[in-house]
């Protein structure tokens, strides 16, 4: 398996786990987790959407990952988990992870790729 296919499999597995984890109880169908995968462009999003109390719209992107130029970009992480460390634990090298949610200036001070 080539590197991109391997990274894609890791990202998809991680996103699936988070979608299943946050799906809530079967009786609560007013708020849903939705996975959006664009394998052609390697973009992966986990959304929460629905209604709370029938009058408050819920729409949030909790996780947004991309694979660009052989690296996994973390564009958004609204969880309390360090997604970069989870990706490393699954076999993605730190130099192949970009914290896109940080400014390019801040990235140089991390153990991860700058871009």
PDB file of N, CA and C in Angstrom:
ATOM      1  N   UNK A   1       0.859  -1.178   0.000  1.00  0.00           N
ATOM      2  CA  UNK A   1       0.000   0.000   0.000  1.00  0.00           C
ATOM      3  C   UNK A   1       0.903   1.238   0.000  1.00  0.00           C
ATOM      4  N   UNK A   2       0.628   2.177  -0.901  1.00  0.00           N
ATOM      5  CA  UNK A   2       1.447   3.385  -0.923  1.00  0.00           C
ATOM      6  C   UNK A   2       1.085   4.309   0.240  1.00  0.00           C
ATOM      7  N   UNK A   3       1.931   5.303   0.456  1.00  0.00           N
ATOM      8  CA  UNK A   3       1.789   6.178   1.620  1.00  0.00           C
ATOM      9  C   UNK A   3       0.439   6.903   1.643  1.00  0.00           C
ATOM     10  N   UNK A   4       0.017   7.443   0.527  1.00  0.00           N
ATOM     11  CA  UNK A   4      -1.252   8.194   0.495  1.00  0.00           C
ATOM     12  C   UNK A   4      -2.429   7.277   0.804  1.00  0.00           C
ATOM     13  N   UNK A   5      -2.432   6.099   0.220  1.00  0.00           N
ATOM     14  CA  UNK A   5      -3.515   5.144   0.501  1.00  0.00           C
ATOM     15  C   UNK A   5      -3.509   4.746   1.969  1.00  0.00           C
ATOM     16  N   UNK A   6      -2.327   4.568   2.539  1.00  0.00           N
ATOM     17  CA  UNK A   6      -2.206   4.227   3.960  1.00  0.00           C
ATOM     18  C   UNK A   6      -2.739   5.368   4.829  1.00  0.00           C
ATOM     19  N   UNK A   7      -2.345   6.601   4.540  1.00  0.00           N
ATOM     20  CA  UNK A   7      -2.820   7.754   5.295  1.00  0.00           C
ATOM     21  C   UNK A   7      -4.328   7.920   5.156  1.00  0.00           C
ATOM     22  N   UNK A   8      -4.832   7.701   3.944  1.00  0.00           N
ATOM     23  CA  UNK A   8      -6.277   7.806   3.696  1.00  0.00           C
ATOM     24  C   UNK A   8      -7.038   6.795   4.555  1.00  0.00           C
ATOM     25  N   UNK A   9      -6.538   5.574   4.635  1.00  0.00           N
ATOM     26  CA  UNK A   9      -7.195   4.541   5.442  1.00  0.00           C
ATOM     27  C   UNK A   9      -7.196   4.924   6.924  1.00  0.00           C
ATOM     28  N   UNK A  10      -6.082   5.478   7.409  1.00  0.00           N
ATOM     29  CA  UNK A  10      -6.008   5.909   8.808  1.00  0.00           C
ATOM     30  C   UNK A  10      -6.994   7.032   9.079  1.00  0.00           C
ATOM     31  N   UNK A  11      -7.021   8.030   8.205  1.00  0.00           N
ATOM     32  CA  UNK A  11      -7.930   9.175   8.378  1.00  0.00           C
ATOM     33  C   UNK A  11      -9.376   8.712   8.363  1.00  0.00           C
ATOM     34  N   UNK A  12      -9.728   7.855   7.427  1.00  0.00           N
ATOM     35  CA  UNK A  12     -11.109   7.382   7.337  1.00  0.00           C
ATOM     36  C   UNK A  12     -11.502   6.569   8.563  1.00  0.00           C
ATOM     37  N   UNK A  13     -10.611   5.746   9.060  1.00  0.00           N
ATOM     38  CA  UNK A  13     -10.902   4.967  10.267  1.00  0.00           C
ATOM     39  C   UNK A  13     -11.102   5.884  11.465  1.00  0.00           C
ATOM     40  N   UNK A  14     -10.219   6.870  11.622  1.00  0.00           N
ATOM     41  CA  UNK A  14     -10.323   7.817  12.731  1.00  0.00           C
ATOM     42  C   UNK A  14     -11.636   8.603  12.660  1.00  0.00           C
ATOM     43  N   UNK A  15     -11.972   9.079  11.477  1.00  0.00           N
ATOM     44  CA  UNK A  15     -13.217   9.849  11.311  1.00  0.00           C
ATOM     45  C   UNK A  15     -14.438   8.981  11.610  1.00  0.00           C
ATOM     46  N   UNK A  16     -14.410   7.737  11.174  1.00  0.00           N
ATOM     47  CA  UNK A  16     -15.520   6.822  11.437  1.00  0.00           C
ATOM     48  C   UNK A  16     -15.684   6.581  12.931  1.00  0.00           C
ATOM     49  N   UNK A  17     -14.572   6.396  13.638  1.00  0.00           N
ATOM     50  CA  UNK A  17     -14.636   6.196  15.087  1.00  0.00           C
ATOM     51  C   UNK A  17     -15.265   7.404  15.782  1.00  0.00           C
ATOM     52  N   UNK A  18     -14.871   8.595  15.386  1.00  0.00           N
ATOM     53  CA  UNK A  18     -15.436   9.797  16.015  1.00  0.00           C
ATOM     54  C   UNK A  18     -16.904   9.985  15.653  1.00  0.00           C
ATOM     55  N   UNK A  19     -17.283   9.649  14.453  1.00  0.00           N
ATOM     56  CA  UNK A  19     -18.696   9.758  14.060  1.00  0.00           C
ATOM     57  C   UNK A  19     -19.551   8.791  14.866  1.00  0.00           C
ATOM     58  N   UNK A  20     -19.051   7.581  15.077  1.00  0.00           N
ATOM     59  CA  UNK A  20     -19.798   6.591  15.853  1.00  0.00           C
ATOM     60  C   UNK A  20     -19.815   6.938  17.336  1.00  0.00           C
ATOM     61  N   UNK A  21     -18.737   7.509  17.823  1.00  0.00           N
ATOM     62  CA  UNK A  21     -18.647   7.875  19.242  1.00  0.00           C
ATOM     63  C   UNK A  21     -19.655   8.957  19.605  1.00  0.00           C
ATOM     64  N   UNK A  22     -19.826   9.927  18.749  1.00  0.00           N
ATOM     65  CA  UNK A  22     -20.687  11.060  19.069  1.00  0.00           C
ATOM     66  C   UNK A  22     -22.102  10.949  18.552  1.00  0.00           C
ATOM     67  N   UNK A  23     -22.514   9.777  18.160  1.00  0.00           N
ATOM     68  CA  UNK A  23     -23.835   9.660  17.537  1.00  0.00           C
ATOM     69  C   UNK A  23     -24.988   9.764  18.520  1.00  0.00           C
ATOM     70  N   UNK A  24     -24.718   9.686  19.818  1.00  0.00           N
ATOM     71  CA  UNK A  24     -25.787   9.866  20.797  1.00  0.00           C
ATOM     72  C   UNK A  24     -26.685   8.657  20.912  1.00  0.00           C
ATOM     73  N   UNK A  25     -27.737   8.819  21.694  1.00  0.00           N
ATOM     74  CA  UNK A  25     -28.657   7.715  21.912  1.00  0.00           C
ATOM     75  C   UNK A  25     -29.596   7.561  20.720  1.00  0.00           C
ATOM     76  N   UNK A  26     -30.068   6.345  20.463  1.00  0.00           N
ATOM     77  CA  UNK A  26     -30.977   6.131  19.335  1.00  0.00           C
ATOM     78  C   UNK A  26     -32.262   6.944  19.439  1.00  0.00           C
ATOM     79  N   UNK A  27     -32.675   7.312  20.652  1.00  0.00           N
ATOM     80  CA  UNK A  27     -33.915   8.072  20.802  1.00  0.00           C
ATOM     81  C   UNK A  27     -33.742   9.546  20.436  1.00  0.00           C
ATOM     82  N   UNK A  28     -32.499  10.035  20.383  1.00  0.00           N
ATOM     83  CA  UNK A  28     -32.236  11.431  20.056  1.00  0.00           C
ATOM     84  C   UNK A  28     -31.888  11.546  18.579  1.00  0.00           C
ATOM     85  N   UNK A  29     -32.859  11.735  17.744  1.00  0.00           N
ATOM     86  CA  UNK A  29     -32.635  11.829  16.300  1.00  0.00           C
ATOM     87  C   UNK A  29     -32.732  13.272  15.798  1.00  0.00           C
ATOM     88  N   UNK A  30     -32.793  14.242  16.681  1.00  0.00           N
ATOM     89  CA  UNK A  30     -32.887  15.624  16.231  1.00  0.00           C
ATOM     90  C   UNK A  30     -31.520  16.217  15.908  1.00  0.00           C
ATOM     91  N   UNK A  31     -30.445  15.622  16.416  1.00  0.00           N
ATOM     92  CA  UNK A  31     -29.081  16.044  16.109  1.00  0.00           C
ATOM     93  C   UNK A  31     -28.325  14.829  15.601  1.00  0.00           C
ATOM     94  N   UNK A  32     -27.672  14.984  14.451  1.00  0.00           N
ATOM     95  CA  UNK A  32     -26.979  13.864  13.816  1.00  0.00           C
ATOM     96  C   UNK A  32     -25.518  14.187  13.576  1.00  0.00           C
ATOM     97  N   UNK A  33     -24.712  13.135  13.527  1.00  0.00           N
ATOM     98  CA  UNK A  33     -23.330  13.238  13.087  1.00  0.00           C
ATOM     99  C   UNK A  33     -23.337  12.905  11.598  1.00  0.00           C
ATOM    100  N   UNK A  34     -22.610  13.674  10.816  1.00  0.00           N
ATOM    101  CA  UNK A  34     -22.548  13.418   9.381  1.00  0.00           C
ATOM    102  C   UNK A  34     -21.096  13.448   8.925  1.00  0.00           C
ATOM    103  N   UNK A  35     -20.671  12.362   8.306  1.00  0.00           N
ATOM    104  CA  UNK A  35     -19.337  12.288   7.727  1.00  0.00           C
ATOM    105  C   UNK A  35     -19.402  12.709   6.276  1.00  0.00           C
ATOM    106  N   UNK A  36     -18.508  13.570   5.887  1.00  0.00           N
ATOM    107  CA  UNK A  36     -18.414  13.988   4.492  1.00  0.00           C
ATOM    108  C   UNK A  36     -17.008  13.657   4.023  1.00  0.00           C
ATOM    109  N   UNK A  37     -16.926  12.781   3.030  1.00  0.00           N
ATOM    110  CA  UNK A  37     -15.640  12.372   2.483  1.00  0.00           C
ATOM    111  C   UNK A  37     -15.584  12.737   1.021  1.00  0.00           C
ATOM    112  N   UNK A  38     -14.515  13.363   0.632  1.00  0.00           N
ATOM    113  CA  UNK A  38     -14.233  13.645  -0.766  1.00  0.00           C
ATOM    114  C   UNK A  38     -12.890  12.980  -1.056  1.00  0.00           C
ATOM    115  N   UNK A  39     -12.951  11.711  -1.435  1.00  0.00           N
ATOM    116  CA  UNK A  39     -11.714  10.956  -1.647  1.00  0.00           C
ATOM    117  C   UNK A  39     -10.925  11.473  -2.841  1.00  0.00           C
ATOM    118  N   UNK A  40     -11.602  12.022  -3.831  1.00  0.00           N
ATOM    119  CA  UNK A  40     -10.901  12.550  -5.003  1.00  0.00           C
ATOM    120  C   UNK A  40      -9.955  13.675  -4.600  1.00  0.00           C
ATOM    121  N   UNK A  41     -10.404  14.552  -3.701  1.00  0.00           N
ATOM    122  CA  UNK A  41      -9.590  15.683  -3.244  1.00  0.00           C
ATOM    123  C   UNK A  41      -9.040  15.484  -1.838  1.00  0.00           C
ATOM    124  N   UNK A  42      -9.306  14.326  -1.255  1.00  0.00           N
ATOM    125  CA  UNK A  42      -8.831  13.964   0.089  1.00  0.00           C
ATOM    126  C   UNK A  42      -9.204  14.996   1.140  1.00  0.00           C
ATOM    127  N   UNK A  43     -10.501  15.263   1.247  1.00  0.00           N
ATOM    128  CA  UNK A  43     -11.022  16.134   2.288  1.00  0.00           C
ATOM    129  C   UNK A  43     -12.043  15.333   3.099  1.00  0.00           C
ATOM    130  N   UNK A  44     -11.939  15.457   4.436  1.00  0.00           N
ATOM    131  CA  UNK A  44     -12.756  14.658   5.341  1.00  0.00           C
ATOM    132  C   UNK A  44     -13.284  15.549   6.455  1.00  0.00           C
ATOM    133  N   UNK A  45     -14.618  15.583   6.594  1.00  0.00           N
ATOM    134  CA  UNK A  45     -15.241  16.434   7.600  1.00  0.00           C
ATOM    135  C   UNK A  45     -16.221  15.631   8.438  1.00  0.00           C
ATOM    136  N   UNK A  46     -16.307  15.993   9.706  1.00  0.00           N
ATOM    137  CA  UNK A  46     -17.321  15.446  10.602  1.00  0.00           C
ATOM    138  C   UNK A  46     -18.176  16.614  11.074  1.00  0.00           C
ATOM    139  N   UNK A  47     -19.441  16.592  10.684  1.00  0.00           N
ATOM    140  CA  UNK A  47     -20.385  17.648  11.042  1.00  0.00           C
ATOM    141  C   UNK A  47     -21.395  17.134  12.052  1.00  0.00           C
ATOM    142  N   UNK A  48     -21.877  18.042  12.866  1.00  0.00           N
ATOM    143  CA  UNK A  48     -23.036  17.792  13.715  1.00  0.00           C
ATOM    144  C   UNK A  48     -24.106  18.772  13.256  1.00  0.00           C
ATOM    145  N   UNK A  49     -25.295  18.239  12.960  1.00  0.00           N
ATOM    146  CA  UNK A  49     -26.355  19.115  12.506  1.00  0.00           C
ATOM    147  C   UNK A  49     -27.712  18.608  12.955  1.00  0.00           C
ATOM    148  N   UNK A  50     -28.629  19.533  13.068  1.00  0.00           N
ATOM    149  CA  UNK A  50     -29.988  19.196  13.481  1.00  0.00           C
ATOM    150  C   UNK A  50     -30.611  20.349  14.233  1.00  0.00           C
ATOM    151  N   UNK A  51     -31.514  19.996  15.150  1.00  0.00           N
ATOM    152  CA  UNK A  51     -32.264  20.990  15.904  1.00  0.00           C
ATOM    153  C   UNK A  51     -32.283  20.636  17.381  1.00  0.00           C
ATOM    154  N   UNK A  52     -32.169  21.644  18.210  1.00  0.00           N
ATOM    155  CA  UNK A  52     -32.291  21.474  19.651  1.00  0.00           C
ATOM    156  C   UNK A  52     -33.575  22.176  20.071  1.00  0.00           C
ATOM    157  N   UNK A  53     -34.422  21.449  20.764  1.00  0.00           N
ATOM    158  CA  UNK A  53     -35.713  21.981  21.223  1.00  0.00           C
ATOM    159  C   UNK A  53     -36.567  22.519  20.079  1.00  0.00           C
ATOM    160  N   UNK A  54     -36.372  21.981  18.890  1.00  0.00           N
ATOM    161  CA  UNK A  54     -37.155  22.340  17.701  1.00  0.00           C
ATOM    162  C   UNK A  54     -37.059  23.796  17.277  1.00  0.00           C
ATOM    163  N   UNK A  55     -36.195  24.595  17.906  1.00  0.00           N
ATOM    164  CA  UNK A  55     -36.104  25.981  17.468  1.00  0.00           C
ATOM    165  C   UNK A  55     -34.677  26.526  17.445  1.00  0.00           C
ATOM    166  N   UNK A  56     -33.702  25.731  17.813  1.00  0.00           N
ATOM    167  CA  UNK A  56     -32.312  26.183  17.813  1.00  0.00           C
ATOM    168  C   UNK A  56     -31.513  25.306  16.846  1.00  0.00           C
ATOM    169  N   UNK A  57     -31.029  25.893  15.764  1.00  0.00           N
ATOM    170  CA  UNK A  57     -30.299  25.149  14.739  1.00  0.00           C
ATOM    171  C   UNK A  57     -28.903  24.779  15.241  1.00  0.00           C
ATOM    172  N   UNK A  58     -28.550  23.521  15.055  1.00  0.00           N
ATOM    173  CA  UNK A  58     -27.227  23.020  15.387  1.00  0.00           C
ATOM    174  C   UNK A  58     -26.514  22.723  14.070  1.00  0.00           C
ATOM    175  N   UNK A  59     -25.375  23.338  13.867  1.00  0.00           N
ATOM    176  CA  UNK A  59     -24.548  23.057  12.690  1.00  0.00           C
ATOM    177  C   UNK A  59     -23.114  23.396  13.056  1.00  0.00           C
ATOM    178  N   UNK A  60     -22.262  22.366  13.107  1.00  0.00           N
ATOM    179  CA  UNK A  60     -20.884  22.599  13.480  1.00  0.00           C
ATOM    180  C   UNK A  60     -19.990  21.571  12.802  1.00  0.00           C
ATOM    181  N   UNK A  61     -18.855  22.023  12.363  1.00  0.00           N
ATOM    182  CA  UNK A  61     -17.829  21.128  11.843  1.00  0.00           C
ATOM    183  C   UNK A  61     -16.862  20.853  12.986  1.00  0.00           C
ATOM    184  N   UNK A  62     -16.858  19.615  13.479  1.00  0.00           N
ATOM    185  CA  UNK A  62     -16.006  19.257  14.602  1.00  0.00           C
ATOM    186  C   UNK A  62     -14.593  18.878  14.174  1.00  0.00           C
ATOM    187  N   UNK A  63     -14.497  18.156  13.075  1.00  0.00           N
ATOM    188  CA  UNK A  63     -13.179  17.733  12.588  1.00  0.00           C
ATOM    189  C   UNK A  63     -13.130  17.966  11.085  1.00  0.00           C
ATOM    190  N   UNK A  64     -12.013  18.533  10.635  1.00  0.00           N
ATOM    191  CA  UNK A  64     -11.766  18.721   9.205  1.00  0.00           C
ATOM    192  C   UNK A  64     -10.309  18.341   8.952  1.00  0.00           C
ATOM    193  N   UNK A  65     -10.118  17.258   8.212  1.00  0.00           N
ATOM    194  CA  UNK A  65      -8.786  16.784   7.849  1.00  0.00           C
ATOM    195  C   UNK A  65      -8.656  16.771   6.336  1.00  0.00           C
ATOM    196  N   UNK A  66      -7.447  16.993   5.857  1.00  0.00           N
ATOM    197  CA  UNK A  66      -7.165  16.928   4.428  1.00  0.00           C
ATOM    198  C   UNK A  66      -5.830  16.227   4.225  1.00  0.00           C
ATOM    199  N   UNK A  67      -5.681  15.609   3.070  1.00  0.00           N
ATOM    200  CA  UNK A  67      -4.390  15.067   2.673  1.00  0.00           C
ATOM    201  C   UNK A  67      -3.947  15.881   1.468  1.00  0.00           C
ATOM    202  N   UNK A  68      -2.815  16.586   1.634  1.00  0.00           N
ATOM    203  CA  UNK A  68      -2.275  17.453   0.584  1.00  0.00           C
ATOM    204  C   UNK A  68      -0.786  17.184   0.435  1.00  0.00           C
ATOM    205  N   UNK A  69      -0.374  16.967  -0.784  1.00  0.00           N
ATOM    206  CA  UNK A  69       1.058  16.797  -1.070  1.00  0.00           C
ATOM    207  C   UNK A  69       1.720  15.784  -0.127  1.00  0.00           C
ATOM    208  N   UNK A  70       1.013  14.710   0.165  1.00  0.00           N
ATOM    209  CA  UNK A  70       1.570  13.637   0.981  1.00  0.00           C
ATOM    210  C   UNK A  70       1.549  13.885   2.472  1.00  0.00           C
ATOM    211  N   UNK A  71       0.844  14.938   2.899  1.00  0.00           N
ATOM    212  CA  UNK A  71       0.773  15.251   4.325  1.00  0.00           C
ATOM    213  C   UNK A  71      -0.681  15.361   4.760  1.00  0.00           C
ATOM    214  N   UNK A  72      -0.917  15.010   6.030  1.00  0.00           N
ATOM    215  CA  UNK A  72      -2.258  15.132   6.608  1.00  0.00           C
ATOM    216  C   UNK A  72      -2.338  16.496   7.294  1.00  0.00           C
ATOM    217  N   UNK A  73      -3.289  17.289   6.842  1.00  0.00           N
ATOM    218  CA  UNK A  73      -3.516  18.623   7.402  1.00  0.00           C
ATOM    219  C   UNK A  73      -4.694  18.562   8.364  1.00  0.00           C
ATOM    220  N   UNK A  74      -4.492  19.044   9.572  1.00  0.00           N
ATOM    221  CA  UNK A  74      -5.585  19.180  10.531  1.00  0.00           C
ATOM    222  C   UNK A  74      -6.071  20.624  10.422  1.00  0.00           C
ATOM    223  N   UNK A  75      -7.234  20.788   9.786  1.00  0.00           N
ATOM    224  CA  UNK A  75      -7.788  22.128   9.550  1.00  0.00           C
ATOM    225  C   UNK A  75      -8.690  22.585  10.691  1.00  0.00           C
ATOM    226  N   UNK A  76      -9.326  21.628  11.359  1.00  0.00           N
ATOM    227  CA  UNK A  76     -10.213  21.971  12.477  1.00  0.00           C
ATOM    228  C   UNK A  76     -10.279  20.784  13.418  1.00  0.00           C
ATOM    229  N   UNK A  77     -10.219  21.085  14.714  1.00  0.00           N
ATOM    230  CA  UNK A  77     -10.372  20.060  15.736  1.00  0.00           C
ATOM    231  C   UNK A  77     -11.116  20.686  16.910  1.00  0.00           C
ATOM    232  N   UNK A  78     -12.391  20.431  16.981  1.00  0.00           N
ATOM    233  CA  UNK A  78     -13.220  20.955  18.056  1.00  0.00           C
ATOM    234  C   UNK A  78     -13.515  19.872  19.091  1.00  0.00           C
ATOM    235  N   UNK A  79     -12.599  18.912  19.203  1.00  0.00           N
ATOM    236  CA  UNK A  79     -12.726  17.870  20.214  1.00  0.00           C
ATOM    237  C   UNK A  79     -11.738  18.186  21.340  1.00  0.00           C
ATOM    238  N   UNK A  80     -11.789  17.410  22.383  1.00  0.00           N
ATOM    239  CA  UNK A  80     -10.837  17.591  23.476  1.00  0.00           C
ATOM    240  C   UNK A  80      -9.660  16.621  23.360  1.00  0.00           C
ATOM    241  N   UNK A  81      -9.495  16.026  22.186  1.00  0.00           N
ATOM    242  CA  UNK A  81      -8.453  15.044  21.930  1.00  0.00           C
ATOM    243  C   UNK A  81      -7.406  15.655  20.997  1.00  0.00           C
ATOM    244  N   UNK A  82      -6.156  15.309  21.204  1.00  0.00           N
ATOM    245  CA  UNK A  82      -5.076  15.747  20.325  1.00  0.00           C
ATOM    246  C   UNK A  82      -5.061  14.831  19.094  1.00  0.00           C
ATOM    247  N   UNK A  83      -5.699  15.287  18.027  1.00  0.00           N
ATOM    248  CA  UNK A  83      -5.798  14.463  16.819  1.00  0.00           C
ATOM    249  C   UNK A  83      -4.426  14.172  16.219  1.00  0.00           C
ATOM    250  N   UNK A  84      -3.515  15.111  16.309  1.00  0.00           N
ATOM    251  CA  UNK A  84      -2.176  14.879  15.768  1.00  0.00           C
ATOM    252  C   UNK A  84      -1.524  13.687  16.461  1.00  0.00           C
ATOM    253  N   UNK A  85      -1.634  13.618  17.767  1.00  0.00           N
ATOM    254  CA  UNK A  85      -1.050  12.489  18.499  1.00  0.00           C
ATOM    255  C   UNK A  85      -1.751  11.183  18.146  1.00  0.00           C
ATOM    256  N   UNK A  86      -3.044  11.235  17.922  1.00  0.00           N
ATOM    257  CA  UNK A  86      -3.762  10.014  17.502  1.00  0.00           C
ATOM    258  C   UNK A  86      -3.290   9.557  16.131  1.00  0.00           C
ATOM    259  N   UNK A  87      -3.053  10.498  15.234  1.00  0.00           N
ATOM    260  CA  UNK A  87      -2.549  10.146  13.905  1.00  0.00           C
ATOM    261  C   UNK A  87      -1.151   9.543  13.997  1.00  0.00           C
ATOM    262  N   UNK A  88      -0.306  10.096  14.853  1.00  0.00           N
ATOM    263  CA  UNK A  88       1.039   9.553  15.056  1.00  0.00           C
ATOM    264  C   UNK A  88       0.940   8.132  15.613  1.00  0.00           C
ATOM    265  N   UNK A  89       0.063   7.925  16.578  1.00  0.00           N
ATOM    266  CA  UNK A  89      -0.108   6.593  17.171  1.00  0.00           C
ATOM    267  C   UNK A  89      -0.580   5.570  16.146  1.00  0.00           C
ATOM    268  N   UNK A  90      -1.266   6.041  15.112  1.00  0.00           N
ATOM    269  CA  UNK A  90      -1.753   5.137  14.063  1.00  0.00           C
ATOM    270  C   UNK A  90      -0.736   4.931  12.944  1.00  0.00           C
ATOM    271  N   UNK A  91       0.404   5.630  13.010  1.00  0.00           N
ATOM    272  CA  UNK A  91       1.455   5.372  12.039  1.00  0.00           C
ATOM    273  C   UNK A  91       1.789   6.498  11.086  1.00  0.00           C
ATOM    274  N   UNK A  92       1.235   7.671  11.285  1.00  0.00           N
ATOM    275  CA  UNK A  92       1.575   8.807  10.428  1.00  0.00           C
ATOM    276  C   UNK A  92       2.727   9.570  11.088  1.00  0.00           C
ATOM    277  N   UNK A  93       3.770   9.808  10.323  1.00  0.00           N
ATOM    278  CA  UNK A  93       4.962  10.478  10.848  1.00  0.00           C
ATOM    279  C   UNK A  93       4.654  11.935  11.181  1.00  0.00           C
ATOM    280  N   UNK A  94       5.258  12.440  12.249  1.00  0.00           N
ATOM    281  CA  UNK A  94       5.043  13.830  12.650  1.00  0.00           C
ATOM    282  C   UNK A  94       5.385  14.800  11.521  1.00  0.00           C
ATOM    283  N   UNK A  95       6.422  14.491  10.750  1.00  0.00           N
ATOM    284  CA  UNK A  95       6.800  15.386   9.662  1.00  0.00           C
ATOM    285  C   UNK A  95       5.805  15.354   8.507  1.00  0.00           C
ATOM    286  N   UNK A  96       4.814  14.465   8.586  1.00  0.00           N
ATOM    287  CA  UNK A  96       3.750  14.404   7.579  1.00  0.00           C
ATOM    288  C   UNK A  96       2.412  14.889   8.122  1.00  0.00           C
ATOM    289  N   UNK A  97       2.435  15.598   9.232  1.00  0.00           N
ATOM    290  CA  UNK A  97       1.222  16.182   9.814  1.00  0.00           C
ATOM    291  C   UNK A  97       1.417  17.690   9.890  1.00  0.00           C
ATOM    292  N   UNK A  98       0.456  18.429   9.352  1.00  0.00           N
ATOM    293  CA  UNK A  98       0.497  19.887   9.389  1.00  0.00           C
ATOM    294  C   UNK A  98      -0.672  20.364  10.245  1.00  0.00           C
ATOM    295  N   UNK A  99      -0.371  21.198  11.215  1.00  0.00           N
ATOM    296  CA  UNK A  99      -1.423  21.787  12.054  1.00  0.00           C
ATOM    297  C   UNK A  99      -1.951  23.024  11.344  1.00  0.00           C
ATOM    298  N   UNK A 100      -2.789  22.794  10.335  1.00  0.00           N
ATOM    299  CA  UNK A 100      -3.336  23.883   9.534  1.00  0.00           C
ATOM    300  C   UNK A 100      -4.212  24.828  10.321  1.00  0.00           C
ATOM    301  N   UNK A 101      -4.656  24.397  11.479  1.00  0.00           N
ATOM    302  CA  UNK A 101      -5.483  25.256  12.320  1.00  0.00           C
ATOM    303  C   UNK A 101      -4.649  26.297  13.052  1.00  0.00           C
ATOM    304  N   UNK A 102      -3.325  26.174  12.975  1.00  0.00           N
ATOM    305  CA  UNK A 102      -2.416  27.185  13.525  1.00  0.00           C
ATOM    306  C   UNK A 102      -1.866  28.036  12.380  1.00  0.00           C
ATOM    307  N   UNK A 103      -1.526  29.267  12.670  1.00  0.00           N
ATOM    308  CA  UNK A 103      -0.947  30.142  11.651  1.00  0.00           C
ATOM    309  C   UNK A 103       0.395  29.576  11.194  1.00  0.00           C
ATOM    310  N   UNK A 104       0.792  29.881   9.954  1.00  0.00           N
ATOM    311  CA  UNK A 104       2.100  29.410   9.478  1.00  0.00           C
ATOM    312  C   UNK A 104       3.246  29.822  10.415  1.00  0.00           C
ATOM    313  N   UNK A 105       3.160  30.978  11.024  1.00  0.00           N
ATOM    314  CA  UNK A 105       4.196  31.427  11.952  1.00  0.00           C
ATOM    315  C   UNK A 105       4.302  30.500  13.158  1.00  0.00           C
ATOM    316  N   UNK A 106       3.174  30.098  13.723  1.00  0.00           N
ATOM    317  CA  UNK A 106       3.178  29.237  14.914  1.00  0.00           C
ATOM    318  C   UNK A 106       3.642  27.816  14.611  1.00  0.00           C
ATOM    319  N   UNK A 107       3.415  27.338  13.407  1.00  0.00           N
ATOM    320  CA  UNK A 107       3.753  25.948  13.069  1.00  0.00           C
ATOM    321  C   UNK A 107       5.234  25.641  13.241  1.00  0.00           C
ATOM    322  N   UNK A 108       6.079  26.627  13.057  1.00  0.00           N
ATOM    323  CA  UNK A 108       7.519  26.389  13.168  1.00  0.00           C
ATOM    324  C   UNK A 108       7.942  26.015  14.588  1.00  0.00           C
ATOM    325  N   UNK A 109       7.097  26.292  15.557  1.00  0.00           N
ATOM    326  CA  UNK A 109       7.420  26.016  16.954  1.00  0.00           C
ATOM    327  C   UNK A 109       6.841  24.687  17.444  1.00  0.00           C
ATOM    328  N   UNK A 110       6.286  23.895  16.528  1.00  0.00           N
ATOM    329  CA  UNK A 110       5.730  22.600  16.900  1.00  0.00           C
ATOM    330  C   UNK A 110       6.677  21.491  16.414  1.00  0.00           C
ATOM    331  N   UNK A 111       6.376  20.270  16.808  1.00  0.00           N
ATOM    332  CA  UNK A 111       7.142  19.113  16.352  1.00  0.00           C
ATOM    333  C   UNK A 111       6.617  18.578  15.022  1.00  0.00           C
ATOM    334  N   UNK A 112       5.673  19.285  14.427  1.00  0.00           N
ATOM    335  CA  UNK A 112       5.009  18.826  13.210  1.00  0.00           C
ATOM    336  C   UNK A 112       5.483  19.629  12.002  1.00  0.00           C
ATOM    337  N   UNK A 113       5.018  19.230  10.821  1.00  0.00           N
ATOM    338  CA  UNK A 113       5.429  19.891   9.584  1.00  0.00           C
ATOM    339  C   UNK A 113       4.931  21.335   9.547  1.00  0.00           C
ATOM    340  N   UNK A 114       5.682  22.180   8.864  1.00  0.00           N
ATOM    341  CA  UNK A 114       5.296  23.584   8.710  1.00  0.00           C
ATOM    342  C   UNK A 114       4.261  23.702   7.597  1.00  0.00           C
ATOM    343  N   UNK A 115       4.459  22.977   6.521  1.00  0.00           N
ATOM    344  CA  UNK A 115       3.472  22.923   5.416  1.00  0.00           C
ATOM    345  C   UNK A 115       3.795  21.768   4.502  1.00  0.00           C
TER     346      UNK A 115
END
